[in-house]
Amino acid sequence: MVQSAIETAVAQALKKNAYRPYMTQQEACKYLHVAPSTFNRWIRNYKIPVVQIEGVKRYKKDSLDRFMEQIEQ
């Protein structure tokens, strides 16, 4: 039972670290396990930080993690 929990935790940690530091909106949705419509609503309502260069938008993984931690509290 303990080994199974450890294996699950390790697998989740490896999966989380597989994401790049800056993600497209599609990657961010997948990372957060939400639909694009939900993510768009969060952007509007909670002002999720976005890096935009010449119209190209990227979402920083660390910012998404902080956002989720703030919402959790």
PDB file of N, CA and C in Angstrom:
ATOM      1  N   MET A   1       0.827  -1.191   0.000  1.00  0.00           N
ATOM      2  CA  MET A   1       0.000   0.000   0.000  1.00  0.00           C
ATOM      3  C   MET A   1       0.876   1.261   0.000  1.00  0.00           C
ATOM      4  N   VAL A   2       1.880   1.306   0.862  1.00  0.00           N
ATOM      5  CA  VAL A   2       2.770   2.467   0.930  1.00  0.00           C
ATOM      6  C   VAL A   2       3.553   2.604  -0.363  1.00  0.00           C
ATOM      7  N   GLN A   3       4.032   1.475  -0.885  1.00  0.00           N
ATOM      8  CA  GLN A   3       4.795   1.513  -2.130  1.00  0.00           C
ATOM      9  C   GLN A   3       3.938   2.045  -3.272  1.00  0.00           C
ATOM     10  N   SER A   4       2.695   1.649  -3.314  1.00  0.00           N
ATOM     11  CA  SER A   4       1.786   2.135  -4.348  1.00  0.00           C
ATOM     12  C   SER A   4       1.604   3.647  -4.252  1.00  0.00           C
ATOM     13  N   ALA A   5       1.461   4.168  -3.042  1.00  0.00           N
ATOM     14  CA  ALA A   5       1.309   5.612  -2.844  1.00  0.00           C
ATOM     15  C   ALA A   5       2.563   6.352  -3.273  1.00  0.00           C
ATOM     16  N   ILE A   6       3.719   5.782  -2.960  1.00  0.00           N
ATOM     17  CA  ILE A   6       4.994   6.401  -3.355  1.00  0.00           C
ATOM     18  C   ILE A   6       5.124   6.403  -4.868  1.00  0.00           C
ATOM     19  N   GLU A   7       4.810   5.282  -5.495  1.00  0.00           N
ATOM     20  CA  GLU A   7       4.889   5.191  -6.955  1.00  0.00           C
ATOM     21  C   GLU A   7       3.955   6.198  -7.618  1.00  0.00           C
ATOM     22  N   THR A   8       2.772   6.362  -7.083  1.00  0.00           N
ATOM     23  CA  THR A   8       1.819   7.334  -7.620  1.00  0.00           C
ATOM     24  C   THR A   8       2.354   8.749  -7.475  1.00  0.00           C
ATOM     25  N   ALA A   9       2.908   9.069  -6.312  1.00  0.00           N
ATOM     26  CA  ALA A   9       3.458  10.410  -6.073  1.00  0.00           C
ATOM     27  C   ALA A   9       4.626  10.699  -7.002  1.00  0.00           C
ATOM     28  N   VAL A  10       5.495   9.726  -7.203  1.00  0.00           N
ATOM     29  CA  VAL A  10       6.645   9.902  -8.100  1.00  0.00           C
ATOM     30  C   VAL A  10       6.163  10.093  -9.534  1.00  0.00           C
ATOM     31  N   ALA A  11       5.206   9.306  -9.962  1.00  0.00           N
ATOM     32  CA  ALA A  11       4.675   9.432 -11.325  1.00  0.00           C
ATOM     33  C   ALA A  11       4.058  10.804 -11.548  1.00  0.00           C
ATOM     34  N   GLN A  12       3.320  11.303 -10.565  1.00  0.00           N
ATOM     35  CA  GLN A  12       2.710  12.632 -10.689  1.00  0.00           C
ATOM     36  C   GLN A  12       3.774  13.721 -10.735  1.00  0.00           C
ATOM     37  N   ALA A  13       4.817  13.595  -9.928  1.00  0.00           N
ATOM     38  CA  ALA A  13       5.894  14.586  -9.921  1.00  0.00           C
ATOM     39  C   ALA A  13       6.622  14.600 -11.255  1.00  0.00           C
ATOM     40  N   LEU A  14       6.894  13.436 -11.805  1.00  0.00           N
ATOM     41  CA  LEU A  14       7.564  13.364 -13.103  1.00  0.00           C
ATOM     42  C   LEU A  14       6.695  13.960 -14.202  1.00  0.00           C
ATOM     43  N   LYS A  15       5.414  13.684 -14.159  1.00  0.00           N
ATOM     44  CA  LYS A  15       4.495  14.223 -15.164  1.00  0.00           C
ATOM     45  C   LYS A  15       4.424  15.743 -15.070  1.00  0.00           C
ATOM     46  N   LYS A  16       4.371  16.273 -13.853  1.00  0.00           N
ATOM     47  CA  LYS A  16       4.298  17.718 -13.655  1.00  0.00           C
ATOM     48  C   LYS A  16       5.557  18.405 -14.175  1.00  0.00           C
ATOM     49  N   ASN A  17       6.719  17.774 -13.985  1.00  0.00           N
ATOM     50  CA  ASN A  17       7.978  18.364 -14.424  1.00  0.00           C
ATOM     51  C   ASN A  17       8.212  18.203 -15.918  1.00  0.00           C
ATOM     52  N   ALA A  18       7.343  17.474 -16.605  1.00  0.00           N
ATOM     53  CA  ALA A  18       7.494  17.275 -18.043  1.00  0.00           C
ATOM     54  C   ALA A  18       7.078  18.517 -18.833  1.00  0.00           C
ATOM     55  N   TYR A  19       6.394  19.445 -18.185  1.00  0.00           N
ATOM     56  CA  TYR A  19       5.930  20.649 -18.870  1.00  0.00           C
ATOM     57  C   TYR A  19       7.035  21.697 -18.943  1.00  0.00           C
ATOM     58  N   ARG A  20       7.033  22.435 -20.035  1.00  0.00           N
ATOM     59  CA  ARG A  20       8.011  23.510 -20.224  1.00  0.00           C
ATOM     60  C   ARG A  20       7.680  24.678 -19.306  1.00  0.00           C
ATOM     61  N   PRO A  21       8.669  25.559 -19.048  1.00  0.00           N
ATOM     62  CA  PRO A  21       8.416  26.701 -18.158  1.00  0.00           C
ATOM     63  C   PRO A  21       7.379  27.679 -18.717  1.00  0.00           C
ATOM     64  N   TYR A  22       7.277  27.802 -20.036  1.00  0.00           N
ATOM     65  CA  TYR A  22       6.287  28.675 -20.672  1.00  0.00           C
ATOM     66  C   TYR A  22       5.431  27.823 -21.595  1.00  0.00           C
ATOM     67  N   MET A  23       4.101  27.955 -21.444  1.00  0.00           N
ATOM     68  CA  MET A  23       3.185  27.094 -22.181  1.00  0.00           C
ATOM     69  C   MET A  23       2.206  27.895 -23.022  1.00  0.00           C
ATOM     70  N   THR A  24       1.745  27.273 -24.089  1.00  0.00           N
ATOM     71  CA  THR A  24       0.652  27.839 -24.865  1.00  0.00           C
ATOM     72  C   THR A  24      -0.625  27.698 -24.034  1.00  0.00           C
ATOM     73  N   GLN A  25      -1.702  28.305 -24.498  1.00  0.00           N
ATOM     74  CA  GLN A  25      -2.967  28.181 -23.775  1.00  0.00           C
ATOM     75  C   GLN A  25      -3.425  26.726 -23.754  1.00  0.00           C
ATOM     76  N   GLN A  26      -3.259  26.045 -24.853  1.00  0.00           N
ATOM     77  CA  GLN A  26      -3.666  24.640 -24.925  1.00  0.00           C
ATOM     78  C   GLN A  26      -2.864  23.798 -23.927  1.00  0.00           C
ATOM     79  N   GLU A  27      -1.558  24.036 -23.855  1.00  0.00           N
ATOM     80  CA  GLU A  27      -0.723  23.302 -22.902  1.00  0.00           C
ATOM     81  C   GLU A  27      -1.103  23.641 -21.459  1.00  0.00           C
ATOM     82  N   ALA A  28      -1.410  24.920 -21.213  1.00  0.00           N
ATOM     83  CA  ALA A  28      -1.806  25.348 -19.866  1.00  0.00           C
ATOM     84  C   ALA A  28      -3.111  24.665 -19.452  1.00  0.00           C
ATOM     85  N   CYS A  29      -4.049  24.562 -20.373  1.00  0.00           N
ATOM     86  CA  CYS A  29      -5.314  23.872 -20.080  1.00  0.00           C
ATOM     87  C   CYS A  29      -5.055  22.407 -19.725  1.00  0.00           C
ATOM     88  N   LYS A  30      -4.208  21.775 -20.493  1.00  0.00           N
ATOM     89  CA  LYS A  30      -3.881  20.372 -20.235  1.00  0.00           C
ATOM     90  C   LYS A  30      -3.176  20.233 -18.887  1.00  0.00           C
ATOM     91  N   TYR A  31      -2.259  21.140 -18.602  1.00  0.00           N
ATOM     92  CA  TYR A  31      -1.509  21.129 -17.344  1.00  0.00           C
ATOM     93  C   TYR A  31      -2.447  21.262 -16.145  1.00  0.00           C
ATOM     94  N   LEU A  32      -3.442  22.136 -16.267  1.00  0.00           N
ATOM     95  CA  LEU A  32      -4.380  22.381 -15.172  1.00  0.00           C
ATOM     96  C   LEU A  32      -5.587  21.443 -15.196  1.00  0.00           C
ATOM     97  N   HIS A  33      -5.702  20.637 -16.257  1.00  0.00           N
ATOM     98  CA  HIS A  33      -6.820  19.699 -16.413  1.00  0.00           C
ATOM     99  C   HIS A  33      -8.164  20.431 -16.449  1.00  0.00           C
ATOM    100  N   VAL A  34      -8.216  21.492 -17.265  1.00  0.00           N
ATOM    101  CA  VAL A  34      -9.466  22.238 -17.427  1.00  0.00           C
ATOM    102  C   VAL A  34      -9.744  22.456 -18.915  1.00  0.00           C
ATOM    103  N   ALA A  35     -10.996  22.701 -19.219  1.00  0.00           N
ATOM    104  CA  ALA A  35     -11.401  23.002 -20.593  1.00  0.00           C
ATOM    105  C   ALA A  35     -10.948  24.413 -20.959  1.00  0.00           C
ATOM    106  N   PRO A  36     -10.736  24.673 -22.252  1.00  0.00           N
ATOM    107  CA  PRO A  36     -10.361  26.025 -22.678  1.00  0.00           C
ATOM    108  C   PRO A  36     -11.356  27.091 -22.220  1.00  0.00           C
ATOM    109  N   SER A  37     -12.644  26.771 -22.211  1.00  0.00           N
ATOM    110  CA  SER A  37     -13.638  27.760 -21.765  1.00  0.00           C
ATOM    111  C   SER A  37     -13.450  28.102 -20.286  1.00  0.00           C
ATOM    112  N   THR A  38     -13.104  27.121 -19.483  1.00  0.00           N
ATOM    113  CA  THR A  38     -12.834  27.366 -18.056  1.00  0.00           C
ATOM    114  C   THR A  38     -11.595  28.229 -17.903  1.00  0.00           C
ATOM    115  N   PHE A  39     -10.550  27.902 -18.640  1.00  0.00           N
ATOM    116  CA  PHE A  39      -9.307  28.669 -18.558  1.00  0.00           C
ATOM    117  C   PHE A  39      -9.547  30.118 -18.992  1.00  0.00           C
ATOM    118  N   ASN A  40     -10.311  30.313 -20.054  1.00  0.00           N
ATOM    119  CA  ASN A  40     -10.632  31.677 -20.507  1.00  0.00           C
ATOM    120  C   ASN A  40     -11.406  32.453 -19.443  1.00  0.00           C
ATOM    121  N   ARG A  41     -12.323  31.782 -18.776  1.00  0.00           N
ATOM    122  CA  ARG A  41     -13.074  32.427 -17.695  1.00  0.00           C
ATOM    123  C   ARG A  41     -12.136  32.806 -16.550  1.00  0.00           C
ATOM    124  N   TRP A  42     -11.195  31.931 -16.208  1.00  0.00           N
ATOM    125  CA  TRP A  42     -10.219  32.231 -15.153  1.00  0.00           C
ATOM    126  C   TRP A  42      -9.344  33.416 -15.541  1.00  0.00           C
ATOM    127  N   ILE A  43      -8.967  33.487 -16.812  1.00  0.00           N
ATOM    128  CA  ILE A  43      -8.152  34.620 -17.281  1.00  0.00           C
ATOM    129  C   ILE A  43      -8.921  35.922 -17.059  1.00  0.00           C
ATOM    130  N   ARG A  44     -10.194  35.938 -17.437  1.00  0.00           N
ATOM    131  CA  ARG A  44     -11.023  37.139 -17.267  1.00  0.00           C
ATOM    132  C   ARG A  44     -11.267  37.472 -15.794  1.00  0.00           C
ATOM    133  N   ASN A  45     -11.646  36.480 -15.019  1.00  0.00           N
ATOM    134  CA  ASN A  45     -12.065  36.717 -13.636  1.00  0.00           C
ATOM    135  C   ASN A  45     -10.920  36.862 -12.645  1.00  0.00           C
ATOM    136  N   TYR A  46      -9.829  36.161 -12.888  1.00  0.00           N
ATOM    137  CA  TYR A  46      -8.746  36.135 -11.908  1.00  0.00           C
ATOM    138  C   TYR A  46      -7.450  36.760 -12.409  1.00  0.00           C
ATOM    139  N   LYS A  47      -7.475  37.253 -13.632  1.00  0.00           N
ATOM    140  CA  LYS A  47      -6.305  37.950 -14.191  1.00  0.00           C
ATOM    141  C   LYS A  47      -5.043  37.089 -14.136  1.00  0.00           C
ATOM    142  N   ILE A  48      -5.110  35.899 -14.684  1.00  0.00           N
ATOM    143  CA  ILE A  48      -3.936  35.027 -14.748  1.00  0.00           C
ATOM    144  C   ILE A  48      -2.869  35.739 -15.577  1.00  0.00           C
ATOM    145  N   PRO A  49      -1.644  35.829 -15.059  1.00  0.00           N
ATOM    146  CA  PRO A  49      -0.585  36.533 -15.791  1.00  0.00           C
ATOM    147  C   PRO A  49      -0.267  35.853 -17.124  1.00  0.00           C
ATOM    148  N   VAL A  50      -0.014  36.673 -18.118  1.00  0.00           N
ATOM    149  CA  VAL A  50       0.337  36.168 -19.442  1.00  0.00           C
ATOM    150  C   VAL A  50       1.532  36.956 -19.961  1.00  0.00           C
ATOM    151  N   VAL A  51       2.436  36.263 -20.634  1.00  0.00           N
ATOM    152  CA  VAL A  51       3.559  36.910 -21.307  1.00  0.00           C
ATOM    153  C   VAL A  51       3.160  37.016 -22.770  1.00  0.00           C
ATOM    154  N   GLN A  52       3.158  38.227 -23.296  1.00  0.00           N
ATOM    155  CA  GLN A  52       2.746  38.421 -24.684  1.00  0.00           C
ATOM    156  C   GLN A  52       3.833  39.175 -25.433  1.00  0.00           C
ATOM    157  N   ILE A  53       4.317  38.560 -26.512  1.00  0.00           N
ATOM    158  CA  ILE A  53       5.333  39.170 -27.368  1.00  0.00           C
ATOM    159  C   ILE A  53       4.818  39.101 -28.797  1.00  0.00           C
ATOM    160  N   GLU A  54       4.616  40.263 -29.382  1.00  0.00           N
ATOM    161  CA  GLU A  54       4.132  40.359 -30.766  1.00  0.00           C
ATOM    162  C   GLU A  54       2.899  39.484 -30.999  1.00  0.00           C
ATOM    163  N   GLY A  55       1.970  39.515 -30.061  1.00  0.00           N
ATOM    164  CA  GLY A  55       0.720  38.781 -30.210  1.00  0.00           C
ATOM    165  C   GLY A  55       0.767  37.321 -29.792  1.00  0.00           C
ATOM    166  N   VAL A  56       1.956  36.818 -29.490  1.00  0.00           N
ATOM    167  CA  VAL A  56       2.094  35.424 -29.062  1.00  0.00           C
ATOM    168  C   VAL A  56       1.989  35.373 -27.541  1.00  0.00           C
ATOM    169  N   LYS A  57       1.021  34.603 -27.046  1.00  0.00           N
ATOM    170  CA  LYS A  57       0.791  34.527 -25.602  1.00  0.00           C
ATOM    171  C   LYS A  57       1.360  33.230 -25.035  1.00  0.00           C
ATOM    172  N   ARG A  58       2.003  33.373 -23.877  1.00  0.00           N
ATOM    173  CA  ARG A  58       2.521  32.218 -23.156  1.00  0.00           C
ATOM    174  C   ARG A  58       2.199  32.373 -21.678  1.00  0.00           C
ATOM    175  N   TYR A  59       1.977  31.246 -21.029  1.00  0.00           N
ATOM    176  CA  TYR A  59       1.636  31.225 -19.613  1.00  0.00           C
ATOM    177  C   TYR A  59       2.763  30.527 -18.867  1.00  0.00           C
ATOM    178  N   LYS A  60       3.285  31.206 -17.856  1.00  0.00           N
ATOM    179  CA  LYS A  60       4.413  30.676 -17.102  1.00  0.00           C
ATOM    180  C   LYS A  60       3.918  29.612 -16.117  1.00  0.00           C
ATOM    181  N   LYS A  61       4.570  28.467 -16.133  1.00  0.00           N
ATOM    182  CA  LYS A  61       4.190  27.347 -15.276  1.00  0.00           C
ATOM    183  C   LYS A  61       4.167  27.760 -13.812  1.00  0.00           C
ATOM    184  N   ASP A  62       5.187  28.488 -13.371  1.00  0.00           N
ATOM    185  CA  ASP A  62       5.250  28.932 -11.972  1.00  0.00           C
ATOM    186  C   ASP A  62       4.072  29.846 -11.622  1.00  0.00           C
ATOM    187  N   SER A  63       3.670  30.696 -12.556  1.00  0.00           N
ATOM    188  CA  SER A  63       2.526  31.586 -12.317  1.00  0.00           C
ATOM    189  C   SER A  63       1.229  30.791 -12.187  1.00  0.00           C
ATOM    190  N   LEU A  64       1.089  29.758 -13.003  1.00  0.00           N
ATOM    191  CA  LEU A  64      -0.104  28.910 -12.917  1.00  0.00           C
ATOM    192  C   LEU A  64      -0.143  28.167 -11.581  1.00  0.00           C
ATOM    193  N   ASP A  65       1.023  27.694 -11.140  1.00  0.00           N
ATOM    194  CA  ASP A  65       1.090  27.011  -9.846  1.00  0.00           C
ATOM    195  C   ASP A  65       0.716  27.962  -8.707  1.00  0.00           C
ATOM    196  N   ARG A  66       1.244  29.183  -8.750  1.00  0.00           N
ATOM    197  CA  ARG A  66       0.927  30.176  -7.717  1.00  0.00           C
ATOM    198  C   ARG A  66      -0.564  30.511  -7.723  1.00  0.00           C
ATOM    199  N   PHE A  67      -1.121  30.664  -8.923  1.00  0.00           N
ATOM    200  CA  PHE A  67      -2.551  30.947  -9.050  1.00  0.00           C
ATOM    201  C   PHE A  67      -3.373  29.854  -8.368  1.00  0.00           C
ATOM    202  N   MET A  68      -3.057  28.603  -8.648  1.00  0.00           N
ATOM    203  CA  MET A  68      -3.814  27.500  -8.062  1.00  0.00           C
ATOM    204  C   MET A  68      -3.650  27.466  -6.542  1.00  0.00           C
ATOM    205  N   GLU A  69      -2.464  27.759  -6.057  1.00  0.00           N
ATOM    206  CA  GLU A  69      -2.237  27.785  -4.606  1.00  0.00           C
ATOM    207  C   GLU A  69      -3.045  28.901  -3.949  1.00  0.00           C
ATOM    208  N   GLN A  70      -3.128  30.057  -4.600  1.00  0.00           N
ATOM    209  CA  GLN A  70      -3.896  31.177  -4.047  1.00  0.00           C
ATOM    210  C   GLN A  70      -5.386  30.854  -4.019  1.00  0.00           C
ATOM    211  N   ILE A  71      -5.876  30.233  -5.063  1.00  0.00           N
ATOM    212  CA  ILE A  71      -7.292  29.875  -5.141  1.00  0.00           C
ATOM    213  C   ILE A  71      -7.625  28.817  -4.086  1.00  0.00           C
ATOM    214  N   GLU A  72      -6.673  27.951  -3.835  1.00  0.00           N
ATOM    215  CA  GLU A  72      -6.872  26.858  -2.882  1.00  0.00           C
ATOM    216  C   GLU A  72      -7.110  27.378  -1.461  1.00  0.00           C
ATOM    217  N   GLN A  73      -6.535  28.518  -1.148  1.00  0.00           N
ATOM    218  CA  GLN A  73      -6.632  29.041   0.223  1.00  0.00           C
ATOM    219  C   GLN A  73      -7.894  29.733   0.434  1.00  0.00           C
TER     220      GLN A  73
END
